[in-house]
Amino acid sequence: MEHPLDQWLCYRDRLPLRVDPLPQPPDELELRHWRDVNFRALAAVATLDERHPHADGGSGSDDADIERLHQKMDLVLDLLGALLRQSRTELAEQAVCLSREGLSWPSVLISPPPGTPVRIELHLHPCAPQALVWGGEIVGTHQNETWARFAPMGDALLTELERFVFTRHRRSVAGARSPVGWGDAAQ
């Protein structure tokens, strides 16, 4: 049997994850709130993930000054991420597969029966102030993975999620092909 999320481009990683079964599906007001938060969170992660080419100019060039400024900002963001991790309840990292349609995780973590509504919290970046939160429904298990389909999220959010998955998938493929490996391929 084919993995249910293999119909779409997916991205595998180890990310902080929390899955909570719900007594009933979230209402539309809660789903709308999560869509708004998720849209902002994905925009923040995209900004944090931006890659800046290294400057080729001399040490006194404007390009070199801008590159040093970028390096300093990256350090500030790393420090901010460390502070954020200290101030919030740390979730255990789990092996996940994320696609535009849903998410899978090891069944040993949590494996409610199919049809169970769930709240899924996923931290995509250590420096991002918000986790993504989705309503979803357990669809089944496959090869020791439980998978859930996301509640409808709207075109704008779906586009941002697809962009994130595509970018991370591309980096993981590039990192796997590199003879030395890319130290930041999954970041």
C-alpha atoms as a PDB file:
ATOM      1  CA  MET A   1       0.000   0.000   0.000  1.00  0.00           C
ATOM      2  CA  GLU A   2       1.281   3.437  -0.950  1.00  0.00           C
ATOM      3  CA  HIS A   3       1.750   6.033   1.792  1.00  0.00           C
ATOM      4  CA  PRO A   4      -1.337   8.292   1.729  1.00  0.00           C
ATOM      5  CA  LEU A   5       0.726  11.502   1.648  1.00  0.00           C
ATOM      6  CA  ASP A   6       2.862  10.324  -1.295  1.00  0.00           C
ATOM      7  CA  GLN A   7       0.263  11.726  -3.683  1.00  0.00           C
ATOM      8  CA  TRP A   8       1.712  15.154  -2.947  1.00  0.00           C
ATOM      9  CA  LEU A   9       5.189  16.510  -2.528  1.00  0.00           C
ATOM     10  CA  CYS A  10       6.155  15.956   1.077  1.00  0.00           C
ATOM     11  CA  TYR A  11       9.004  16.869   3.329  1.00  0.00           C
ATOM     12  CA  ARG A  12      10.457  14.653   6.059  1.00  0.00           C
ATOM     13  CA  ASP A  13      12.211  16.037   9.108  1.00  0.00           C
ATOM     14  CA  ARG A  14      12.443  15.810  12.884  1.00  0.00           C
ATOM     15  CA  LEU A  15      10.366  18.628  14.340  1.00  0.00           C
ATOM     16  CA  PRO A  16       8.732  19.432  17.684  1.00  0.00           C
ATOM     17  CA  LEU A  17       5.212  18.011  17.468  1.00  0.00           C
ATOM     18  CA  ARG A  18       2.161  17.719  19.651  1.00  0.00           C
ATOM     19  CA  VAL A  19      -1.048  15.927  18.656  1.00  0.00           C
ATOM     20  CA  ASP A  20      -4.119  16.145  20.880  1.00  0.00           C
ATOM     21  CA  PRO A  21      -7.304  14.147  20.200  1.00  0.00           C
ATOM     22  CA  LEU A  22     -10.423  16.324  20.409  1.00  0.00           C
ATOM     23  CA  PRO A  23     -13.915  15.325  21.532  1.00  0.00           C
ATOM     24  CA  GLN A  24     -15.318  17.033  18.419  1.00  0.00           C
ATOM     25  CA  PRO A  25     -13.928  18.836  15.360  1.00  0.00           C
ATOM     26  CA  PRO A  26     -12.923  22.476  15.951  1.00  0.00           C
ATOM     27  CA  ASP A  27     -15.581  25.021  15.023  1.00  0.00           C
ATOM     28  CA  GLU A  28     -15.192  27.424  12.106  1.00  0.00           C
ATOM     29  CA  LEU A  29     -14.189  30.343  14.342  1.00  0.00           C
ATOM     30  CA  GLU A  30     -11.292  28.361  15.817  1.00  0.00           C
ATOM     31  CA  LEU A  31     -10.233  27.095  12.377  1.00  0.00           C
ATOM     32  CA  ARG A  32     -10.252  30.660  11.015  1.00  0.00           C
ATOM     33  CA  HIS A  33      -8.094  31.819  13.936  1.00  0.00           C
ATOM     34  CA  TRP A  34      -5.609  28.986  13.310  1.00  0.00           C
ATOM     35  CA  ARG A  35      -5.513  29.820   9.569  1.00  0.00           C
ATOM     36  CA  ASP A  36      -4.615  33.451  10.357  1.00  0.00           C
ATOM     37  CA  VAL A  37      -1.923  32.449  12.863  1.00  0.00           C
ATOM     38  CA  ASN A  38      -0.526  29.815  10.481  1.00  0.00           C
ATOM     39  CA  PHE A  39      -0.345  32.271   7.590  1.00  0.00           C
ATOM     40  CA  ARG A  40       1.710  34.694   9.722  1.00  0.00           C
ATOM     41  CA  ALA A  41       3.855  31.844  11.080  1.00  0.00           C
ATOM     42  CA  LEU A  42       4.666  30.547   7.589  1.00  0.00           C
ATOM     43  CA  ALA A  43       5.551  34.087   6.467  1.00  0.00           C
ATOM     44  CA  ALA A  44       7.885  34.429   9.475  1.00  0.00           C
ATOM     45  CA  VAL A  45       9.546  31.080   8.734  1.00  0.00           C
ATOM     46  CA  ALA A  46      10.017  32.067   5.079  1.00  0.00           C
ATOM     47  CA  THR A  47      11.743  35.261   6.216  1.00  0.00           C
ATOM     48  CA  LEU A  48      13.940  33.353   8.669  1.00  0.00           C
ATOM     49  CA  ASP A  49      14.843  30.842   5.942  1.00  0.00           C
ATOM     50  CA  GLU A  50      15.961  33.452   3.403  1.00  0.00           C
ATOM     51  CA  ARG A  51      19.423  32.773   2.084  1.00  0.00           C
ATOM     52  CA  HIS A  52      21.701  35.697   1.354  1.00  0.00           C
ATOM     53  CA  PRO A  53      24.537  35.269  -1.146  1.00  0.00           C
ATOM     54  CA  HIS A  54      27.973  35.956   0.277  1.00  0.00           C
ATOM     55  CA  ALA A  55      29.520  39.204  -0.890  1.00  0.00           C
ATOM     56  CA  ASP A  56      32.446  38.958  -3.331  1.00  0.00           C
ATOM     57  CA  GLY A  57      33.580  42.555  -2.950  1.00  0.00           C
ATOM     58  CA  GLY A  58      36.590  43.825  -1.040  1.00  0.00           C
ATOM     59  CA  SER A  59      36.539  44.313   2.704  1.00  0.00           C
ATOM     60  CA  GLY A  60      35.537  47.970   2.344  1.00  0.00           C
ATOM     61  CA  SER A  61      32.717  47.396  -0.145  1.00  0.00           C
ATOM     62  CA  ASP A  62      29.067  47.998   0.598  1.00  0.00           C
ATOM     63  CA  ASP A  63      28.376  44.327  -0.207  1.00  0.00           C
ATOM     64  CA  ALA A  64      30.822  43.167   2.459  1.00  0.00           C
ATOM     65  CA  ASP A  65      29.272  45.546   5.001  1.00  0.00           C
ATOM     66  CA  ILE A  66      25.800  44.244   4.185  1.00  0.00           C
ATOM     67  CA  GLU A  67      27.034  40.652   4.493  1.00  0.00           C
ATOM     68  CA  ARG A  68      28.484  41.373   7.956  1.00  0.00           C
ATOM     69  CA  LEU A  69      25.178  42.967   8.956  1.00  0.00           C
ATOM     70  CA  HIS A  70      23.320  39.837   7.768  1.00  0.00           C
ATOM     71  CA  GLN A  71      25.670  37.645   9.818  1.00  0.00           C
ATOM     72  CA  LYS A  72      25.038  39.753  12.911  1.00  0.00           C
ATOM     73  CA  MET A  73      21.275  39.601  12.372  1.00  0.00           C
ATOM     74  CA  ASP A  74      21.495  35.821  11.981  1.00  0.00           C
ATOM     75  CA  LEU A  75      23.309  35.651  15.330  1.00  0.00           C
ATOM     76  CA  VAL A  76      20.634  37.820  16.986  1.00  0.00           C
ATOM     77  CA  LEU A  77      17.920  35.551  15.557  1.00  0.00           C
ATOM     78  CA  ASP A  78      19.723  32.453  16.848  1.00  0.00           C
ATOM     79  CA  LEU A  79      19.943  34.001  20.315  1.00  0.00           C
ATOM     80  CA  LEU A  80      16.268  34.982  20.181  1.00  0.00           C
ATOM     81  CA  GLY A  81      15.391  31.425  19.196  1.00  0.00           C
ATOM     82  CA  ALA A  82      17.329  30.092  22.187  1.00  0.00           C
ATOM     83  CA  LEU A  83      15.406  32.451  24.489  1.00  0.00           C
ATOM     84  CA  LEU A  84      12.086  31.417  22.948  1.00  0.00           C
ATOM     85  CA  ARG A  85      12.892  27.735  23.451  1.00  0.00           C
ATOM     86  CA  GLN A  86      13.716  28.382  27.122  1.00  0.00           C
ATOM     87  CA  SER A  87      10.478  30.268  27.764  1.00  0.00           C
ATOM     88  CA  ARG A  88       8.051  27.756  26.249  1.00  0.00           C
ATOM     89  CA  THR A  89       7.254  24.182  27.013  1.00  0.00           C
ATOM     90  CA  GLU A  90       9.612  22.168  24.903  1.00  0.00           C
ATOM     91  CA  LEU A  91       7.973  19.562  22.712  1.00  0.00           C
ATOM     92  CA  ALA A  92       9.877  16.433  21.789  1.00  0.00           C
ATOM     93  CA  GLU A  93      11.086  16.267  18.206  1.00  0.00           C
ATOM     94  CA  GLN A  94       9.392  13.578  16.161  1.00  0.00           C
ATOM     95  CA  ALA A  95      10.007  12.195  12.695  1.00  0.00           C
ATOM     96  CA  VAL A  96       7.277  13.783  10.584  1.00  0.00           C
ATOM     97  CA  CYS A  97       6.212  13.867   6.970  1.00  0.00           C
ATOM     98  CA  LEU A  98       4.492  17.132   6.044  1.00  0.00           C
ATOM     99  CA  SER A  99       2.543  17.739   2.852  1.00  0.00           C
ATOM    100  CA  ARG A 100      -0.117  20.176   1.710  1.00  0.00           C
ATOM    101  CA  GLU A 101      -2.801  17.701   2.735  1.00  0.00           C
ATOM    102  CA  GLY A 102      -1.627  16.422   6.065  1.00  0.00           C
ATOM    103  CA  LEU A 103       1.014  15.109   8.371  1.00  0.00           C
ATOM    104  CA  SER A 104       2.293  11.725   9.520  1.00  0.00           C
ATOM    105  CA  TRP A 105       4.267  10.779  12.630  1.00  0.00           C
ATOM    106  CA  PRO A 106       5.399   7.599  14.394  1.00  0.00           C
ATOM    107  CA  SER A 107       2.408   5.614  15.633  1.00  0.00           C
ATOM    108  CA  VAL A 108       4.100   5.035  19.000  1.00  0.00           C
ATOM    109  CA  LEU A 109       3.628   8.753  19.771  1.00  0.00           C
ATOM    110  CA  ILE A 110      -0.144   8.772  19.460  1.00  0.00           C
ATOM    111  CA  SER A 111      -2.434   6.720  17.266  1.00  0.00           C
ATOM    112  CA  PRO A 112      -6.130   7.477  17.769  1.00  0.00           C
ATOM    113  CA  PRO A 113      -8.615   5.508  15.668  1.00  0.00           C
ATOM    114  CA  PRO A 114      -9.489   6.751  12.167  1.00  0.00           C
ATOM    115  CA  GLY A 115     -12.059   9.544  12.184  1.00  0.00           C
ATOM    116  CA  THR A 116     -10.803  11.065  15.451  1.00  0.00           C
ATOM    117  CA  PRO A 117     -10.586  14.877  15.270  1.00  0.00           C
ATOM    118  CA  VAL A 118      -7.182  16.194  16.393  1.00  0.00           C
ATOM    119  CA  ARG A 119      -5.361  19.433  17.117  1.00  0.00           C
ATOM    120  CA  ILE A 120      -1.853  19.353  15.608  1.00  0.00           C
ATOM    121  CA  GLU A 121       0.889  21.713  16.796  1.00  0.00           C
ATOM    122  CA  LEU A 122       4.119  21.743  14.767  1.00  0.00           C
ATOM    123  CA  HIS A 123       7.159  23.989  15.264  1.00  0.00           C
ATOM    124  CA  LEU A 124       8.820  24.556  11.890  1.00  0.00           C
ATOM    125  CA  HIS A 125      11.709  26.786  12.947  1.00  0.00           C
ATOM    126  CA  PRO A 126      13.433  27.265  16.317  1.00  0.00           C
ATOM    127  CA  CYS A 127      13.389  31.071  15.973  1.00  0.00           C
ATOM    128  CA  ALA A 128       9.764  31.372  14.881  1.00  0.00           C
ATOM    129  CA  PRO A 129       7.594  32.811  17.647  1.00  0.00           C
ATOM    130  CA  GLN A 130       4.551  30.704  16.707  1.00  0.00           C
ATOM    131  CA  ALA A 131       3.962  27.062  16.008  1.00  0.00           C
ATOM    132  CA  LEU A 132       1.601  26.028  13.251  1.00  0.00           C
ATOM    133  CA  VAL A 133      -1.703  24.752  14.631  1.00  0.00           C
ATOM    134  CA  TRP A 134      -4.129  22.759  12.531  1.00  0.00           C
ATOM    135  CA  GLY A 135      -7.357  20.998  13.021  1.00  0.00           C
ATOM    136  CA  GLY A 136      -7.357  17.635  11.354  1.00  0.00           C
ATOM    137  CA  GLU A 137      -8.733  14.146  11.343  1.00  0.00           C
ATOM    138  CA  ILE A 138      -6.929  10.862  11.787  1.00  0.00           C
ATOM    139  CA  VAL A 139      -7.133   8.956   8.532  1.00  0.00           C
ATOM    140  CA  GLY A 140      -5.208   5.812   9.415  1.00  0.00           C
ATOM    141  CA  THR A 141      -1.864   4.165   9.985  1.00  0.00           C
ATOM    142  CA  HIS A 142       0.639   2.962   7.443  1.00  0.00           C
ATOM    143  CA  GLN A 143       3.973   1.235   8.159  1.00  0.00           C
ATOM    144  CA  ASN A 144       4.032   2.332  11.814  1.00  0.00           C
ATOM    145  CA  GLU A 145       3.061   5.916  10.966  1.00  0.00           C
ATOM    146  CA  THR A 146      -0.186   7.606  11.914  1.00  0.00           C
ATOM    147  CA  TRP A 147      -1.393  10.177   9.479  1.00  0.00           C
ATOM    148  CA  ALA A 148      -3.934  12.940   9.633  1.00  0.00           C
ATOM    149  CA  ARG A 149      -5.560  15.079   6.972  1.00  0.00           C
ATOM    150  CA  PHE A 150      -5.750  18.821   7.663  1.00  0.00           C
ATOM    151  CA  ALA A 151      -9.057  20.644   7.849  1.00  0.00           C
ATOM    152  CA  PRO A 152      -9.589  22.922   4.814  1.00  0.00           C
ATOM    153  CA  MET A 153      -7.282  25.930   5.087  1.00  0.00           C
ATOM    154  CA  GLY A 154      -8.022  28.258   2.182  1.00  0.00           C
ATOM    155  CA  ASP A 155      -6.035  28.968  -0.967  1.00  0.00           C
ATOM    156  CA  ALA A 156      -3.610  31.586   0.423  1.00  0.00           C
ATOM    157  CA  LEU A 157      -2.497  29.418   3.345  1.00  0.00           C
ATOM    158  CA  LEU A 158      -2.362  26.314   1.149  1.00  0.00           C
ATOM    159  CA  THR A 159      -0.051  28.168  -1.267  1.00  0.00           C
ATOM    160  CA  GLU A 160       2.269  29.216   1.581  1.00  0.00           C
ATOM    161  CA  LEU A 161       2.354  25.682   2.971  1.00  0.00           C
ATOM    162  CA  GLU A 162       3.123  24.239  -0.485  1.00  0.00           C
ATOM    163  CA  ARG A 163       5.933  26.791  -0.908  1.00  0.00           C
ATOM    164  CA  PHE A 164       7.409  25.828   2.477  1.00  0.00           C
ATOM    165  CA  VAL A 165       7.212  22.086   1.727  1.00  0.00           C
ATOM    166  CA  PHE A 166       8.746  22.584  -1.734  1.00  0.00           C
ATOM    167  CA  THR A 167      11.636  24.677  -0.366  1.00  0.00           C
ATOM    168  CA  ARG A 168      12.438  22.238   2.438  1.00  0.00           C
ATOM    169  CA  HIS A 169      12.108  19.232   0.135  1.00  0.00           C
ATOM    170  CA  ARG A 170      14.465  20.846  -2.394  1.00  0.00           C
ATOM    171  CA  ARG A 171      17.029  21.564   0.338  1.00  0.00           C
ATOM    172  CA  SER A 172      16.880  18.005   1.651  1.00  0.00           C
ATOM    173  CA  VAL A 173      17.430  16.622  -1.863  1.00  0.00           C
ATOM    174  CA  ALA A 174      20.341  19.015  -2.429  1.00  0.00           C
ATOM    175  CA  GLY A 175      21.840  18.048   0.930  1.00  0.00           C
ATOM    176  CA  ALA A 176      21.539  14.347   0.146  1.00  0.00           C
ATOM    177  CA  ARG A 177      23.266  14.819  -3.210  1.00  0.00           C
ATOM    178  CA  SER A 178      26.137  16.842  -1.805  1.00  0.00           C
ATOM    179  CA  PRO A 179      29.261  14.725  -1.243  1.00  0.00           C
ATOM    180  CA  VAL A 180      30.054  16.640   1.943  1.00  0.00           C
ATOM    181  CA  GLY A 181      26.438  17.328   2.936  1.00  0.00           C
ATOM    182  CA  TRP A 182      24.967  20.698   3.631  1.00  0.00           C
ATOM    183  CA  GLY A 183      25.182  21.449   7.313  1.00  0.00           C
ATOM    184  CA  ASP A 184      22.081  23.623   7.091  1.00  0.00           C
ATOM    185  CA  ALA A 185      20.118  21.655   4.490  1.00  0.00           C
ATOM    186  CA  ALA A 186      17.256  20.941   6.870  1.00  0.00           C
ATOM    187  CA  GLN A 187      17.261  24.285   8.643  1.00  0.00           C
END
